[in-house]
Amino acid sequence: MTTDVEEQIKEIVCEILEIEPDEVTRTSSFKEDHDADSLRSIEILASLERTFRITIDQAELARMGNLEGVYAVVDEGLAARRA
């Protein structure tokens, strides 16, 4: 995954969680560190699907608790789209 894609993902997450990019790290928990609820998680998933034209199963939400997890899920979605 390119740095540009990671930055784009981070921008989407920060916009939905209403936080500044310097407030979130690759491993900070959206729920514990940034007070995200499940609705925000679904918003992130939907926005990522639209932006990158991929399909993400809602079961993946459990893995999408921080940027590392989101990067992995989107990377897998992009790889599946290319296949």
Protein backbone atom coordinates (compact mmCIF):
# COMPACT_ATOMS: atom_id res chain seq x y z
CA MET A 1 0.00 0.00 0.00
CA THR A 2 1.35 3.41 -0.91
CA THR A 3 1.85 6.28 1.48
CA ASP A 4 -0.72 8.26 -0.52
CA VAL A 5 -3.36 5.61 0.08
CA GLU A 6 -2.50 5.50 3.79
CA GLU A 7 -2.81 9.29 4.01
CA GLN A 8 -6.16 9.17 2.23
CA ILE A 9 -7.41 6.53 4.67
CA LYS A 10 -6.18 8.57 7.64
CA GLU A 11 -7.97 11.67 6.32
CA ILE A 12 -11.24 9.74 5.99
CA VAL A 13 -10.93 8.32 9.52
CA CYS A 14 -10.06 11.69 11.05
CA GLU A 15 -12.91 13.44 9.27
CA ILE A 16 -15.48 10.89 10.45
CA LEU A 17 -14.11 10.75 14.01
CA GLU A 18 -13.80 14.56 14.05
CA ILE A 19 -10.19 14.51 15.22
CA GLU A 20 -6.99 16.12 13.99
CA PRO A 21 -4.58 13.86 12.05
CA ASP A 22 -1.83 14.40 14.64
CA GLU A 23 -4.15 13.01 17.36
CA VAL A 24 -4.28 9.52 15.85
CA THR A 25 -1.44 7.02 15.61
CA ARG A 26 -1.29 3.75 13.69
CA THR A 27 -2.17 1.84 16.87
CA SER A 28 -4.42 4.21 18.85
CA SER A 29 -7.82 2.67 19.46
CA PHE A 30 -10.69 4.46 17.77
CA LYS A 31 -13.04 3.38 20.56
CA GLU A 32 -10.91 3.86 23.67
CA ASP A 33 -8.67 6.73 22.59
CA HIS A 34 -11.05 8.65 20.34
CA ASP A 35 -14.54 7.80 21.69
CA ALA A 36 -15.75 6.27 18.42
CA ASP A 37 -19.01 4.35 18.53
CA SER A 38 -20.19 1.57 16.22
CA LEU A 39 -22.05 4.00 13.97
CA ARG A 40 -18.80 5.85 13.26
CA SER A 41 -17.12 2.55 12.46
CA ILE A 42 -19.82 1.78 9.90
CA GLU A 43 -19.43 5.28 8.44
CA ILE A 44 -15.68 4.67 8.06
CA LEU A 45 -16.34 1.32 6.36
CA ALA A 46 -18.87 2.83 3.94
CA SER A 47 -16.63 5.77 3.09
CA LEU A 48 -13.68 3.46 2.41
CA GLU A 49 -15.84 1.29 0.15
CA ARG A 50 -16.95 4.33 -1.87
CA THR A 51 -13.52 5.93 -2.04
CA PHE A 52 -11.57 2.84 -3.07
CA ARG A 53 -14.41 1.02 -4.90
CA ILE A 54 -14.00 -2.11 -2.79
CA THR A 55 -16.35 -4.29 -0.76
CA ILE A 56 -15.64 -4.76 2.93
CA ASP A 57 -17.58 -7.38 4.87
CA GLN A 58 -19.06 -5.95 8.09
CA ALA A 59 -17.36 -8.79 9.96
CA GLU A 60 -14.10 -6.92 9.26
CA LEU A 61 -15.22 -4.11 11.60
CA ALA A 62 -13.69 -6.07 14.48
CA ARG A 63 -10.27 -5.70 12.82
CA MET A 64 -10.79 -2.02 12.04
CA GLY A 65 -10.26 -0.66 15.55
CA ASN A 66 -7.15 1.35 14.64
CA LEU A 67 -5.34 2.58 11.56
CA GLU A 68 -3.18 -0.55 11.30
CA GLY A 69 -6.31 -2.69 11.05
CA VAL A 70 -7.98 -0.35 8.57
CA TYR A 71 -4.86 -0.31 6.38
CA ALA A 72 -4.80 -4.14 6.36
CA VAL A 73 -8.50 -4.48 5.49
CA VAL A 74 -8.31 -1.89 2.69
CA ASP A 75 -5.11 -3.44 1.34
CA GLU A 76 -6.84 -6.84 1.18
CA GLY A 77 -9.86 -5.26 -0.52
CA LEU A 78 -7.66 -3.58 -3.12
CA ALA A 79 -5.78 -6.84 -3.74
CA ALA A 80 -9.08 -8.71 -4.22
CA ARG A 81 -10.28 -6.06 -6.66
CA ARG A 82 -7.09 -6.41 -8.74
CA ALA A 83 -7.37 -10.23 -8.79
